Amino acid sequence: QSQLVESGGGLAQAGESLGLSCAASGFTLEHYGIGWFRQAPGKERELVASFTSAGSTNYADSVKGRFTLSKDGDKHTVYLQMNSLKAEDTAVYYCHAEGGVVHTNTYWGQGTQVTVSS
């Protein structure tokens, strides 16, 4: 079964760092655009950072300079390093992949909680 499996997150104080991982199981991310979204209570899900299938990286203005998106060479895992965390970064974070070679497939991770205390 193809899926995205997230790990990391948890509780941090403002100014600290946390890391998230997203591992593709049953497929590789080579032909996929990959991103991290987050959803805070009472708010809509928003894009935090993404790799396009062409290889460029995009960040939401609110996280530029603090968050870094990366991936490993075997194209199975992407990482989101979150530095200088703020209380407003508190949310459930979701990994997302969309693409494919023949058909377009869309995958979402199960979500992982990030809580930042001020």
N, C-alpha and C. Protein backbone atom coordinates (compact mmCIF):
# COMPACT_ATOMS: atom_id res chain seq x y z
N GLN A 1 0.85 -1.20 0.00
CA GLN A 1 0.00 0.00 0.00
C GLN A 1 0.88 1.23 0.00
N SER A 2 0.64 2.14 -0.92
CA SER A 2 1.43 3.36 -1.00
C SER A 2 0.89 4.38 -0.01
N GLN A 3 1.80 4.98 0.75
CA GLN A 3 1.38 5.96 1.74
C GLN A 3 2.55 6.82 2.16
N LEU A 4 2.24 7.91 2.84
CA LEU A 4 3.24 8.79 3.44
C LEU A 4 3.16 8.61 4.95
N VAL A 5 4.29 8.42 5.57
CA VAL A 5 4.36 8.21 7.01
C VAL A 5 5.18 9.33 7.63
N GLU A 6 4.58 10.07 8.52
CA GLU A 6 5.24 11.21 9.15
C GLU A 6 5.79 10.82 10.51
N SER A 7 6.83 11.51 10.92
CA SER A 7 7.36 11.37 12.26
C SER A 7 7.97 12.69 12.69
N GLY A 8 8.21 12.81 13.97
CA GLY A 8 8.77 14.03 14.51
C GLY A 8 7.68 14.89 15.13
N GLY A 9 7.97 16.16 15.26
CA GLY A 9 7.02 17.06 15.89
C GLY A 9 7.08 16.95 17.40
N GLY A 10 6.04 17.43 18.06
CA GLY A 10 6.00 17.38 19.52
C GLY A 10 5.88 18.76 20.12
N LEU A 11 6.48 18.91 21.29
CA LEU A 11 6.35 20.15 22.06
C LEU A 11 7.68 20.86 22.12
N ALA A 12 7.66 22.18 21.91
CA ALA A 12 8.87 22.99 22.01
C ALA A 12 8.52 24.33 22.60
N GLN A 13 9.51 25.01 23.11
CA GLN A 13 9.32 26.37 23.57
C GLN A 13 9.68 27.33 22.43
N ALA A 14 9.16 28.52 22.50
CA ALA A 14 9.46 29.53 21.48
C ALA A 14 10.97 29.71 21.37
N GLY A 15 11.44 29.75 20.14
CA GLY A 15 12.86 29.90 19.89
C GLY A 15 13.60 28.60 19.69
N GLU A 16 12.98 27.50 20.06
CA GLU A 16 13.62 26.20 19.90
C GLU A 16 13.37 25.64 18.50
N SER A 17 13.90 24.43 18.28
CA SER A 17 13.81 23.80 16.97
C SER A 17 13.14 22.43 17.07
N LEU A 18 12.48 22.06 16.00
CA LEU A 18 11.93 20.72 15.85
C LEU A 18 12.11 20.28 14.40
N GLY A 19 12.10 18.97 14.19
CA GLY A 19 12.20 18.45 12.83
C GLY A 19 11.08 17.48 12.53
N LEU A 20 10.64 17.48 11.30
CA LEU A 20 9.61 16.55 10.83
C LEU A 20 10.18 15.72 9.69
N SER A 21 9.76 14.49 9.61
CA SER A 21 10.14 13.61 8.50
C SER A 21 8.90 13.06 7.83
N CYS A 22 9.01 12.83 6.55
CA CYS A 22 7.90 12.26 5.79
C CYS A 22 8.49 11.20 4.87
N ALA A 23 8.16 9.97 5.14
CA ALA A 23 8.71 8.85 4.37
C ALA A 23 7.65 8.27 3.44
N ALA A 24 8.03 8.13 2.18
CA ALA A 24 7.14 7.48 1.21
C ALA A 24 7.30 5.98 1.31
N SER A 25 6.20 5.30 1.43
CA SER A 25 6.21 3.84 1.50
C SER A 25 5.45 3.28 0.32
N GLY A 26 6.09 2.41 -0.45
CA GLY A 26 5.44 1.81 -1.60
C GLY A 26 5.62 2.57 -2.89
N PHE A 27 6.32 3.70 -2.84
CA PHE A 27 6.60 4.47 -4.05
C PHE A 27 7.76 5.41 -3.75
N THR A 28 8.33 6.00 -4.78
CA THR A 28 9.36 7.01 -4.59
C THR A 28 8.79 8.37 -4.92
N LEU A 29 9.44 9.39 -4.38
CA LEU A 29 8.96 10.76 -4.56
C LEU A 29 9.56 11.44 -5.79
N GLU A 30 10.21 10.66 -6.61
CA GLU A 30 10.98 11.24 -7.71
C GLU A 30 10.13 12.07 -8.67
N HIS A 31 8.93 11.66 -8.95
CA HIS A 31 8.10 12.35 -9.93
C HIS A 31 6.93 13.09 -9.26
N TYR A 32 7.17 13.49 -8.02
CA TYR A 32 6.10 14.12 -7.25
C TYR A 32 6.50 15.50 -6.78
N GLY A 33 5.53 16.41 -6.78
CA GLY A 33 5.67 17.63 -6.01
C GLY A 33 5.37 17.28 -4.56
N ILE A 34 6.18 17.79 -3.65
CA ILE A 34 6.07 17.41 -2.24
C ILE A 34 5.96 18.66 -1.39
N GLY A 35 5.10 18.61 -0.41
CA GLY A 35 4.97 19.77 0.44
C GLY A 35 4.55 19.43 1.84
N TRP A 36 4.72 20.40 2.72
CA TRP A 36 4.21 20.33 4.09
C TRP A 36 3.13 21.40 4.23
N PHE A 37 2.00 20.99 4.73
CA PHE A 37 0.90 21.88 5.05
C PHE A 37 0.73 21.88 6.57
N ARG A 38 0.02 22.87 7.07
CA ARG A 38 -0.33 22.86 8.48
C ARG A 38 -1.73 23.43 8.67
N GLN A 39 -2.35 23.00 9.74
CA GLN A 39 -3.68 23.48 10.06
C GLN A 39 -3.78 23.72 11.55
N ALA A 40 -3.99 24.97 11.90
CA ALA A 40 -4.17 25.35 13.30
C ALA A 40 -5.66 25.29 13.64
N PRO A 41 -6.01 25.17 14.91
CA PRO A 41 -7.42 25.10 15.30
C PRO A 41 -8.19 26.31 14.80
N GLY A 42 -9.31 26.05 14.13
CA GLY A 42 -10.16 27.12 13.65
C GLY A 42 -9.67 27.81 12.40
N LYS A 43 -8.59 27.31 11.82
CA LYS A 43 -8.03 27.94 10.62
C LYS A 43 -7.99 26.94 9.48
N GLU A 44 -7.86 27.46 8.27
CA GLU A 44 -7.77 26.61 7.10
C GLU A 44 -6.36 26.02 6.98
N ARG A 45 -6.29 24.90 6.29
CA ARG A 45 -4.99 24.30 6.03
C ARG A 45 -4.20 25.21 5.09
N GLU A 46 -2.93 25.41 5.40
CA GLU A 46 -2.10 26.30 4.59
C GLU A 46 -0.80 25.60 4.20
N LEU A 47 -0.27 25.98 3.04
CA LEU A 47 0.99 25.45 2.57
C LEU A 47 2.13 26.12 3.32
N VAL A 48 3.05 25.33 3.84
CA VAL A 48 4.19 25.83 4.58
C VAL A 48 5.44 25.86 3.70
N ALA A 49 5.71 24.76 3.05
CA ALA A 49 6.91 24.65 2.21
C ALA A 49 6.68 23.55 1.20
N SER A 50 7.31 23.68 0.02
CA SER A 50 7.09 22.67 -1.00
C SER A 50 8.24 22.59 -1.98
N PHE A 51 8.46 21.38 -2.47
CA PHE A 51 9.29 21.14 -3.64
C PHE A 51 8.35 20.96 -4.82
N THR A 52 8.61 21.64 -5.91
CA THR A 52 7.83 21.36 -7.11
C THR A 52 8.47 20.18 -7.82
N SER A 53 7.76 19.59 -8.75
CA SER A 53 8.31 18.46 -9.50
C SER A 53 9.49 18.90 -10.36
N ALA A 54 9.59 20.21 -10.62
CA ALA A 54 10.72 20.74 -11.38
C ALA A 54 11.93 20.99 -10.51
N GLY A 55 11.76 20.87 -9.17
CA GLY A 55 12.90 20.96 -8.28
C GLY A 55 13.05 22.26 -7.52
N SER A 56 12.18 23.23 -7.75
CA SER A 56 12.29 24.49 -7.00
C SER A 56 11.64 24.33 -5.63
N THR A 57 12.03 25.20 -4.72
CA THR A 57 11.53 25.16 -3.35
C THR A 57 10.80 26.46 -3.03
N ASN A 58 9.63 26.33 -2.41
CA ASN A 58 8.84 27.50 -2.04
C ASN A 58 8.52 27.46 -0.55
N TYR A 59 8.48 28.62 0.07
CA TYR A 59 8.15 28.74 1.48
C TYR A 59 7.08 29.80 1.68
N ALA A 60 6.21 29.56 2.63
CA ALA A 60 5.29 30.61 3.05
C ALA A 60 6.08 31.75 3.67
N ASP A 61 5.60 32.97 3.48
CA ASP A 61 6.32 34.13 4.01
C ASP A 61 6.53 34.02 5.52
N SER A 62 5.58 33.41 6.20
CA SER A 62 5.64 33.34 7.66
C SER A 62 6.76 32.43 8.16
N VAL A 63 7.32 31.58 7.30
CA VAL A 63 8.36 30.66 7.75
C VAL A 63 9.69 30.86 7.04
N LYS A 64 9.75 31.75 6.08
CA LYS A 64 10.99 31.99 5.36
C LYS A 64 12.11 32.38 6.31
N GLY A 65 13.26 31.76 6.10
CA GLY A 65 14.41 32.03 6.95
C GLY A 65 14.43 31.22 8.24
N ARG A 66 13.34 30.55 8.55
CA ARG A 66 13.27 29.73 9.78
C ARG A 66 13.11 28.25 9.49
N PHE A 67 12.39 27.92 8.44
CA PHE A 67 12.13 26.52 8.10
C PHE A 67 12.94 26.14 6.86
N THR A 68 13.40 24.90 6.83
CA THR A 68 14.16 24.41 5.69
C THR A 68 13.62 23.05 5.26
N LEU A 69 13.31 22.95 3.99
CA LEU A 69 12.81 21.72 3.40
C LEU A 69 13.98 21.01 2.71
N SER A 70 14.10 19.71 2.94
CA SER A 70 15.17 18.96 2.29
C SER A 70 14.69 17.54 2.02
N LYS A 71 15.46 16.81 1.24
CA LYS A 71 15.10 15.44 0.95
C LYS A 71 16.36 14.61 0.81
N ASP A 72 16.23 13.31 1.00
CA ASP A 72 17.40 12.48 0.90
C ASP A 72 17.60 12.01 -0.54
N GLY A 73 18.77 11.46 -0.80
CA GLY A 73 19.12 11.13 -2.17
C GLY A 73 18.36 9.95 -2.75
N ASP A 74 17.81 9.10 -1.89
CA ASP A 74 17.11 7.93 -2.42
C ASP A 74 15.65 8.23 -2.74
N LYS A 75 15.26 9.50 -2.56
CA LYS A 75 13.93 9.97 -2.97
C LYS A 75 12.80 9.28 -2.22
N HIS A 76 13.07 8.88 -0.98
CA HIS A 76 12.01 8.28 -0.20
C HIS A 76 11.53 9.16 0.95
N THR A 77 12.36 10.12 1.39
CA THR A 77 12.05 10.88 2.59
C THR A 77 12.31 12.36 2.38
N VAL A 78 11.40 13.16 2.89
CA VAL A 78 11.61 14.61 2.93
C VAL A 78 11.58 15.05 4.38
N TYR A 79 12.27 16.16 4.64
CA TYR A 79 12.41 16.66 6.00
C TYR A 79 12.00 18.13 6.05
N LEU A 80 11.47 18.52 7.17
CA LEU A 80 11.19 19.92 7.43
C LEU A 80 11.86 20.28 8.74
N GLN A 81 12.92 21.06 8.66
CA GLN A 81 13.62 21.54 9.85
C GLN A 81 13.02 22.88 10.23
N MET A 82 12.55 22.98 11.44
CA MET A 82 11.87 24.19 11.90
C MET A 82 12.68 24.81 13.03
N ASN A 83 13.25 25.97 12.76
CA ASN A 83 14.06 26.70 13.74
C ASN A 83 13.33 27.95 14.19
N SER A 84 13.79 28.50 15.29
CA SER A 84 13.22 29.75 15.83
C SER A 84 11.70 29.68 15.87
N LEU A 85 11.21 28.61 16.44
CA LEU A 85 9.77 28.39 16.46
C LEU A 85 9.04 29.48 17.22
N LYS A 86 7.82 29.75 16.76
CA LYS A 86 6.96 30.73 17.38
C LYS A 86 5.65 30.05 17.80
N ALA A 87 4.96 30.68 18.72
CA ALA A 87 3.68 30.11 19.17
C ALA A 87 2.71 29.93 18.00
N GLU A 88 2.78 30.84 17.04
CA GLU A 88 1.87 30.76 15.90
C GLU A 88 2.22 29.63 14.93
N ASP A 89 3.32 28.94 15.17
CA ASP A 89 3.62 27.75 14.38
C ASP A 89 2.87 26.52 14.89
N THR A 90 2.20 26.66 16.00
CA THR A 90 1.44 25.55 16.56
C THR A 90 0.35 25.12 15.60
N ALA A 91 0.36 23.84 15.24
CA ALA A 91 -0.61 23.31 14.27
C ALA A 91 -0.38 21.82 14.11
N VAL A 92 -1.29 21.19 13.40
CA VAL A 92 -1.04 19.84 12.91
C VAL A 92 -0.41 19.97 11.53
N TYR A 93 0.71 19.32 11.35
CA TYR A 93 1.46 19.40 10.11
C TYR A 93 1.22 18.14 9.28
N TYR A 94 0.97 18.35 7.99
CA TYR A 94 0.66 17.25 7.08
C TYR A 94 1.64 17.26 5.91
N CYS A 95 2.15 16.10 5.60
CA CYS A 95 2.96 15.92 4.40
C CYS A 95 2.03 15.62 3.23
N HIS A 96 2.38 16.12 2.06
CA HIS A 96 1.53 15.96 0.87
C HIS A 96 2.40 15.69 -0.33
N ALA A 97 1.98 14.75 -1.17
CA ALA A 97 2.69 14.46 -2.42
C ALA A 97 1.67 14.31 -3.54
N GLU A 98 1.98 14.90 -4.67
CA GLU A 98 1.09 14.80 -5.83
C GLU A 98 1.93 14.68 -7.09
N GLY A 99 1.58 13.72 -7.91
CA GLY A 99 2.30 13.52 -9.17
C GLY A 99 2.22 12.08 -9.61
N GLY A 100 3.24 11.64 -10.31
CA GLY A 100 3.25 10.28 -10.83
C GLY A 100 3.71 10.27 -12.25
N VAL A 101 3.94 9.08 -12.78
CA VAL A 101 4.48 8.94 -14.13
C VAL A 101 3.36 8.83 -15.15
N VAL A 102 2.41 7.93 -14.93
CA VAL A 102 1.32 7.70 -15.87
C VAL A 102 0.05 8.40 -15.40
N HIS A 103 -0.31 8.18 -14.15
CA HIS A 103 -1.49 8.78 -13.56
C HIS A 103 -1.08 9.74 -12.46
N THR A 104 -1.93 10.72 -12.20
CA THR A 104 -1.66 11.64 -11.08
C THR A 104 -2.23 11.05 -9.81
N ASN A 105 -1.37 10.90 -8.83
CA ASN A 105 -1.75 10.38 -7.53
C ASN A 105 -1.56 11.45 -6.47
N THR A 106 -2.37 11.42 -5.46
CA THR A 106 -2.27 12.36 -4.36
C THR A 106 -2.23 11.59 -3.06
N TYR A 107 -1.27 11.95 -2.22
CA TYR A 107 -1.13 11.30 -0.92
C TYR A 107 -1.03 12.35 0.18
N TRP A 108 -1.61 12.05 1.32
CA TRP A 108 -1.48 12.87 2.53
C TRP A 108 -0.94 11.99 3.66
N GLY A 109 -0.06 12.57 4.44
CA GLY A 109 0.36 11.90 5.66
C GLY A 109 -0.74 11.97 6.70
N GLN A 110 -0.51 11.27 7.81
CA GLN A 110 -1.53 11.16 8.84
C GLN A 110 -1.62 12.41 9.71
N GLY A 111 -0.64 13.29 9.61
CA GLY A 111 -0.64 14.49 10.44
C GLY A 111 0.15 14.29 11.71
N THR A 112 0.91 15.30 12.09
CA THR A 112 1.67 15.24 13.33
C THR A 112 1.56 16.61 14.04
N GLN A 113 1.37 16.57 15.33
CA GLN A 113 1.13 17.79 16.10
C GLN A 113 2.45 18.48 16.45
N VAL A 114 2.48 19.77 16.23
CA VAL A 114 3.57 20.63 16.68
C VAL A 114 2.96 21.68 17.59
N THR A 115 3.46 21.74 18.82
CA THR A 115 2.96 22.71 19.79
C THR A 115 4.13 23.53 20.31
N VAL A 116 4.00 24.84 20.17
CA VAL A 116 5.06 25.75 20.61
C VAL A 116 4.50 26.63 21.72
N SER A 117 5.14 26.57 22.85
CA SER A 117 4.70 27.37 23.98
C SER A 117 5.52 28.66 24.05
N SER A 118 4.86 29.73 24.40
CA SER A 118 5.54 31.03 24.44
C SER A 118 6.03 31.34 25.84
